[in-house]
Amino acid sequence: MNRILITGALGQIGTLLCQSLSNDPDNFILATDIRKPIKNTQYDFVQADVLDYKFFVKLVTEHRINTIYHLVSILSANGEHDPFGTWNLNIQSFQNIVRLGKEYKIKRIFWPSSIAVYGKDISPILAPQQTEMNPETIYGITKLAGEKLMNYYKIKYGLDIRSIRLPGVISINAAGGGTTDFAVEMLNCALNKDKYTCYLLPNTRLPMIYIEDAINAIKALMKTNFKNNERIYSYNVMGYSLTPKIWADAIINKGYKLEVDYKPDYRQIIADGWPQTVDDKLANSIWGWAPKYNIEKTLSDILKS
């Protein structure tokens, strides 16, 4: 049986990932978050702070955990308000999970990176899998550091840490503090018949992925059998690229009334340092990644229309 520990289980990705993994009878799920769930879950849940290493030792040993999905992170926009706290949470939590992996023989770890690892000097079109990276946010810096540590721990300890460089993730629930949250916020304003003030310019183009594709990518990556000597990558993936205006028009075309004002703030500077599209051919060639959702199918699935 896969005995799985998930940190950040109440977040945008964690919520759906827990549900999806718990549908497999071969999986035991122990979900953790610093918050309590609003309603009962179909899997085991423990309120826990991932910075409390001793408590996580207790969880791992008592529940005989052999796989970890580490999703805890302060995101790009929120991170700029507290760079020191962001570094501490993002990096120290990563170190704690890796230490658990080493000390308690965890067979496989998943940890998400981000397109925030890129910088303004990168080609904005089809940003390459491997290139010089100069992130300009503390969030991006922590993610790049995590990618470097991931490779280091593979070489030093033989740890199997797997990763995806996520673009903006679209779901009915916002990530909370991300630069691409406009897509979710705009959709909810349309559903609630509210006016939306967008913090990005209308033609700011960014790579995105529907959460169903993101979850499927994570699961496929974790099931892939790699050779022991194969290089560790944080794989680029994306579903499509869009701008706030393209997204607003797509929502309106679904029959919703939506009025949008554009008043860019500090998040515009962050978005300007990210690529418009990423090259994800490596993920396709090595473990078969391919998105199933375009913009139209994403909206149809969310709106059930």
Protein backbone atom coordinates (compact mmCIF):
# COMPACT_ATOMS: atom_id res chain seq x y z
CA MET A 1 0.00 0.00 0.00
CA ASN A 2 1.10 3.56 -0.69
CA ARG A 3 1.09 5.28 2.70
CA ILE A 4 0.95 8.93 1.72
CA LEU A 5 1.54 12.09 3.73
CA ILE A 6 0.34 15.35 2.16
CA THR A 7 1.34 18.76 3.55
CA GLY A 8 -0.63 21.88 2.65
CA ALA A 9 -3.62 19.63 2.09
CA LEU A 10 -6.21 22.42 2.31
CA GLY A 11 -4.63 24.53 -0.42
CA GLN A 12 -5.74 24.90 -4.02
CA ILE A 13 -3.87 21.82 -5.25
CA GLY A 14 -3.90 19.85 -2.00
CA THR A 15 -7.68 19.80 -1.72
CA LEU A 16 -8.23 18.08 -5.07
CA LEU A 17 -5.08 15.95 -4.86
CA CYS A 18 -6.19 14.46 -1.55
CA GLN A 19 -9.59 13.62 -2.99
CA SER A 20 -8.11 12.11 -6.14
CA LEU A 21 -5.50 9.97 -4.37
CA SER A 22 -7.97 8.79 -1.72
CA ASN A 23 -10.17 7.30 -4.47
CA ASP A 24 -7.51 4.63 -5.00
CA PRO A 25 -8.05 1.75 -2.52
CA ASP A 26 -4.29 1.06 -2.58
CA ASN A 27 -3.60 4.47 -1.01
CA PHE A 28 -3.68 5.44 2.65
CA ILE A 29 -3.85 9.25 2.94
CA LEU A 30 -2.74 11.31 5.92
CA ALA A 31 -3.49 14.95 5.10
CA THR A 32 -1.97 17.80 7.13
CA ASP A 33 -2.33 21.55 7.16
CA ILE A 34 -1.78 24.37 9.62
CA ARG A 35 -5.54 25.01 9.45
CA LYS A 36 -8.45 22.72 10.25
CA PRO A 37 -10.80 21.61 7.46
CA ILE A 38 -14.23 23.25 7.39
CA LYS A 39 -15.95 19.89 6.92
CA ASN A 40 -15.11 16.24 7.49
CA THR A 41 -12.77 14.62 4.98
CA GLN A 42 -12.90 11.15 3.42
CA TYR A 43 -9.29 10.60 4.51
CA ASP A 44 -7.33 10.97 7.76
CA PHE A 45 -6.47 14.56 8.67
CA VAL A 46 -4.14 16.02 11.32
CA GLN A 47 -3.65 19.72 12.00
CA ALA A 48 0.12 20.28 11.97
CA ASP A 49 2.83 22.86 11.33
CA VAL A 50 5.35 21.46 8.88
CA LEU A 51 8.10 23.45 10.59
CA ASP A 52 7.61 21.23 13.65
CA TYR A 53 10.02 18.49 12.61
CA LYS A 54 9.60 16.33 15.72
CA PHE A 55 5.83 16.18 15.28
CA PHE A 56 6.25 15.09 11.67
CA VAL A 57 8.68 12.38 12.76
CA LYS A 58 5.86 11.12 14.97
CA LEU A 59 3.39 11.18 12.07
CA VAL A 60 5.75 9.43 9.66
CA THR A 61 6.69 6.67 12.09
CA GLU A 62 3.24 6.05 13.56
CA HIS A 63 1.54 5.90 10.16
CA ARG A 64 4.43 4.13 8.39
CA ILE A 65 4.54 6.78 5.66
CA ASN A 66 6.46 5.87 2.51
CA THR A 67 5.44 8.69 0.11
CA ILE A 68 5.21 12.45 0.71
CA TYR A 69 3.57 15.23 -1.31
CA HIS A 70 4.94 18.48 0.08
CA LEU A 71 2.70 21.34 -1.07
CA VAL A 72 3.28 23.99 1.62
CA SER A 73 4.45 27.34 0.24
CA ILE A 74 3.99 31.08 0.52
CA LEU A 75 3.24 32.21 -3.05
CA SER A 76 4.62 35.00 -5.20
CA ALA A 77 2.45 37.99 -4.33
CA ASN A 78 2.21 37.30 -0.61
CA GLY A 79 5.88 36.48 -0.46
CA GLU A 80 6.89 40.01 -1.37
CA HIS A 81 5.25 41.30 1.82
CA ASP A 82 7.48 39.13 4.02
CA PRO A 83 10.60 37.85 2.23
CA PHE A 84 12.28 36.60 5.42
CA GLY A 85 9.23 34.63 6.52
CA THR A 86 8.78 33.30 2.99
CA TRP A 87 12.35 32.03 2.84
CA ASN A 88 11.97 30.39 6.25
CA LEU A 89 8.72 28.60 5.47
CA ASN A 90 9.45 27.62 1.87
CA ILE A 91 13.02 26.42 2.43
CA GLN A 92 12.94 25.10 5.99
CA SER A 93 9.79 23.09 5.32
CA PHE A 94 11.49 21.62 2.23
CA GLN A 95 14.54 20.75 4.33
CA ASN A 96 12.36 19.10 6.97
CA ILE A 97 10.64 16.92 4.38
CA VAL A 98 13.95 15.94 2.80
CA ARG A 99 15.35 15.09 6.21
CA LEU A 100 12.34 12.86 6.84
CA GLY A 101 12.99 11.25 3.46
CA LYS A 102 16.58 10.48 4.37
CA GLU A 103 16.04 9.35 7.96
CA TYR A 104 12.90 7.28 7.43
CA LYS A 105 13.51 5.80 3.99
CA ILE A 106 10.70 7.62 2.18
CA LYS A 107 10.60 6.02 -1.26
CA ARG A 108 9.29 9.03 -3.20
CA ILE A 109 8.67 12.77 -2.59
CA PHE A 110 6.74 15.26 -4.71
CA TRP A 111 7.47 18.98 -4.42
CA PRO A 112 6.12 21.63 -6.82
CA SER A 113 8.34 24.31 -8.31
CA SER A 114 7.07 27.24 -10.38
CA ILE A 115 7.59 29.32 -13.50
CA ALA A 116 8.64 32.00 -10.99
CA VAL A 117 12.17 30.55 -11.26
CA TYR A 118 12.59 32.43 -14.54
CA GLY A 119 13.50 36.13 -14.85
CA LYS A 120 13.03 39.03 -17.27
CA ASP A 121 16.12 38.10 -19.27
CA ILE A 122 14.63 34.77 -20.35
CA SER A 123 12.94 34.31 -23.71
CA PRO A 124 9.24 34.92 -22.95
CA ILE A 125 8.10 32.51 -25.69
CA LEU A 126 8.64 28.81 -25.00
CA ALA A 127 10.96 29.40 -22.05
CA PRO A 128 13.37 26.46 -22.18
CA GLN A 129 13.54 23.61 -19.70
CA GLN A 130 17.21 24.26 -18.98
CA THR A 131 18.66 27.77 -19.01
CA GLU A 132 20.22 30.39 -16.78
CA MET A 133 17.58 31.55 -14.31
CA ASN A 134 17.42 34.85 -12.45
CA PRO A 135 14.19 35.01 -10.43
CA GLU A 136 13.22 38.43 -9.14
CA THR A 137 10.83 37.45 -6.33
CA ILE A 138 11.63 35.74 -3.05
CA TYR A 139 9.12 33.05 -4.02
CA GLY A 140 10.98 32.37 -7.25
CA ILE A 141 14.31 32.36 -5.42
CA THR A 142 13.05 29.76 -2.94
CA LYS A 143 11.75 27.60 -5.77
CA LEU A 144 15.05 27.77 -7.64
CA ALA A 145 16.90 26.93 -4.44
CA GLY A 146 14.58 23.95 -3.99
CA GLU A 147 15.34 22.73 -7.51
CA LYS A 148 19.08 22.89 -6.79
CA LEU A 149 18.65 21.12 -3.45
CA MET A 150 16.51 18.45 -5.10
CA ASN A 151 19.39 17.50 -7.40
CA TYR A 152 21.93 17.77 -4.57
CA TYR A 153 20.01 15.35 -2.35
CA LYS A 154 19.58 12.90 -5.22
CA ILE A 155 23.35 12.82 -5.69
CA LYS A 156 24.26 12.83 -1.99
CA TYR A 157 21.58 10.57 -0.53
CA GLY A 158 19.88 8.94 -3.51
CA LEU A 159 16.53 10.53 -2.62
CA ASP A 160 13.77 10.29 -5.23
CA ILE A 161 12.31 13.82 -5.25
CA ARG A 162 10.04 14.66 -8.17
CA SER A 163 8.86 18.06 -9.29
CA ILE A 164 6.82 20.05 -11.78
CA ARG A 165 7.28 23.73 -12.59
CA LEU A 166 3.69 24.82 -12.31
CA PRO A 167 2.31 27.78 -14.24
CA GLY A 168 -0.79 29.60 -12.98
CA VAL A 169 -3.35 27.04 -11.80
CA ILE A 170 -7.02 27.66 -12.58
CA SER A 171 -9.74 26.22 -10.36
CA ILE A 172 -12.89 27.46 -8.70
CA ASN A 173 -10.79 28.19 -5.59
CA ALA A 174 -7.92 30.68 -5.70
CA ALA A 175 -4.41 29.67 -4.68
CA GLY A 176 -4.27 32.55 -2.22
CA GLY A 177 -1.52 35.08 -2.79
CA GLY A 178 -0.43 34.08 -6.28
CA THR A 179 0.20 36.44 -9.21
CA THR A 180 -2.11 34.42 -11.48
CA ASP A 181 -5.07 34.43 -9.07
CA PHE A 182 -6.83 36.93 -11.34
CA ALA A 183 -8.27 34.06 -13.37
CA VAL A 184 -10.10 32.56 -10.39
CA GLU A 185 -11.08 35.95 -8.94
CA MET A 186 -12.52 37.09 -12.27
CA LEU A 187 -14.54 33.91 -12.65
CA ASN A 188 -16.01 34.24 -9.16
CA CYS A 189 -16.94 37.87 -9.83
CA ALA A 190 -18.80 36.77 -12.94
CA LEU A 191 -20.65 34.07 -11.02
CA ASN A 192 -21.59 36.55 -8.27
CA LYS A 193 -22.39 39.37 -10.74
CA ASP A 194 -19.71 41.59 -9.22
CA LYS A 195 -17.44 44.08 -10.96
CA TYR A 196 -13.80 43.00 -11.04
CA THR A 197 -10.72 45.18 -10.65
CA CYS A 198 -7.79 43.39 -12.26
CA TYR A 199 -4.29 44.00 -10.88
CA LEU A 200 -2.68 43.13 -14.24
CA LEU A 201 -2.86 44.92 -17.59
CA PRO A 202 -5.38 43.40 -20.03
CA ASN A 203 -2.77 42.00 -22.43
CA THR A 204 -0.41 40.46 -19.86
CA ARG A 205 0.08 36.95 -21.20
CA LEU A 206 1.00 34.09 -18.84
CA PRO A 207 1.10 30.28 -19.03
CA MET A 208 -1.76 28.55 -17.22
CA ILE A 209 -3.06 25.07 -16.46
CA TYR A 210 -6.45 23.78 -15.35
CA ILE A 211 -6.26 22.07 -11.98
CA GLU A 212 -7.50 18.74 -13.38
CA ASP A 213 -4.52 18.69 -15.74
CA ALA A 214 -2.20 19.70 -12.89
CA ILE A 215 -3.42 16.84 -10.68
CA ASN A 216 -3.15 14.35 -13.54
CA ALA A 217 0.40 15.55 -14.26
CA ILE A 218 1.45 15.10 -10.63
CA LYS A 219 -0.01 11.60 -10.46
CA ALA A 220 1.53 10.54 -13.78
CA LEU A 221 4.96 11.85 -12.79
CA MET A 222 4.85 10.03 -9.45
CA LYS A 223 3.92 6.72 -11.13
CA THR A 224 6.70 6.87 -13.73
CA ASN A 225 9.61 4.49 -13.27
CA PHE A 226 12.86 6.34 -13.84
CA LYS A 227 16.31 4.83 -14.18
CA ASN A 228 18.47 5.32 -11.09
CA ASN A 229 21.04 7.35 -12.99
CA GLU A 230 18.52 9.53 -14.83
CA ARG A 231 18.84 13.24 -14.14
CA ILE A 232 16.31 14.89 -11.85
CA TYR A 233 14.30 17.71 -13.44
CA SER A 234 11.57 20.02 -12.28
CA TYR A 235 9.54 19.58 -15.44
CA ASN A 236 7.89 22.43 -17.33
CA VAL A 237 4.18 21.86 -17.98
CA MET A 238 1.41 24.13 -19.23
CA GLY A 239 -2.08 23.85 -20.66
CA TYR A 240 -2.39 27.16 -22.52
CA SER A 241 -1.43 30.81 -22.22
CA LEU A 242 -3.93 33.58 -21.70
CA THR A 243 -4.31 37.24 -20.82
CA PRO A 244 -6.85 38.79 -18.45
CA LYS A 245 -8.73 40.12 -21.49
CA ILE A 246 -8.82 36.74 -23.24
CA TRP A 247 -10.11 35.14 -20.04
CA ALA A 248 -12.74 37.85 -19.50
CA ASP A 249 -13.94 37.52 -23.10
CA ALA A 250 -14.16 33.73 -22.75
CA ILE A 251 -16.31 34.10 -19.61
CA ILE A 252 -18.56 36.64 -21.33
CA ASN A 253 -18.92 34.31 -24.31
CA LYS A 254 -20.33 31.74 -21.88
CA GLY A 255 -23.23 34.11 -21.27
CA TYR A 256 -22.02 35.82 -18.10
CA LYS A 257 -22.01 39.56 -17.60
CA LEU A 258 -18.62 40.74 -16.45
CA GLU A 259 -17.27 44.26 -16.12
CA VAL A 260 -13.51 44.55 -15.59
CA ASP A 261 -11.40 47.55 -14.60
CA TYR A 262 -7.65 47.29 -15.06
CA LYS A 263 -5.56 48.87 -12.32
CA PRO A 264 -2.13 47.21 -12.28
CA ASP A 265 -0.24 47.07 -8.98
CA TYR A 266 3.05 45.52 -7.80
CA ARG A 267 1.93 42.15 -9.21
CA GLN A 268 2.30 43.55 -12.73
CA ILE A 269 6.05 43.81 -12.16
CA ILE A 270 6.12 40.19 -11.02
CA ALA A 271 4.15 39.01 -14.06
CA ASP A 272 6.45 40.96 -16.40
CA GLY A 273 9.34 38.80 -15.20
CA TRP A 274 7.64 35.53 -16.08
CA PRO A 275 7.46 33.77 -19.46
CA GLN A 276 4.35 33.86 -21.65
CA THR A 277 4.70 30.20 -22.58
CA VAL A 278 7.05 27.39 -21.55
CA ASP A 279 8.60 24.54 -23.50
CA ASP A 280 7.24 21.33 -21.97
CA LYS A 281 8.45 18.86 -24.62
CA LEU A 282 10.82 17.18 -22.15
CA ALA A 283 7.94 16.22 -19.86
CA ASN A 284 6.08 14.85 -22.87
CA SER A 285 9.01 12.80 -24.14
CA ILE A 286 10.12 11.36 -20.78
CA TRP A 287 6.87 10.65 -18.94
CA GLY A 288 4.13 11.30 -21.49
CA TRP A 289 2.77 14.63 -20.27
CA ALA A 290 0.01 16.12 -22.42
CA PRO A 291 -2.76 18.54 -21.35
CA LYS A 292 -6.41 17.61 -21.89
CA TYR A 293 -7.96 21.02 -21.23
CA ASN A 294 -7.93 24.17 -23.35
CA ILE A 295 -9.58 27.46 -22.31
CA GLU A 296 -13.01 26.47 -23.59
CA LYS A 297 -12.94 23.03 -21.98
CA THR A 298 -11.68 24.51 -18.70
CA LEU A 299 -14.57 26.94 -18.48
CA SER A 300 -17.09 24.30 -19.53
CA ASP A 301 -15.87 21.96 -16.79
CA ILE A 302 -15.89 24.64 -14.07
CA LEU A 303 -19.29 25.97 -15.11
CA LYS A 304 -20.63 22.52 -16.02
CA SER A 305 -21.90 23.86 -19.33
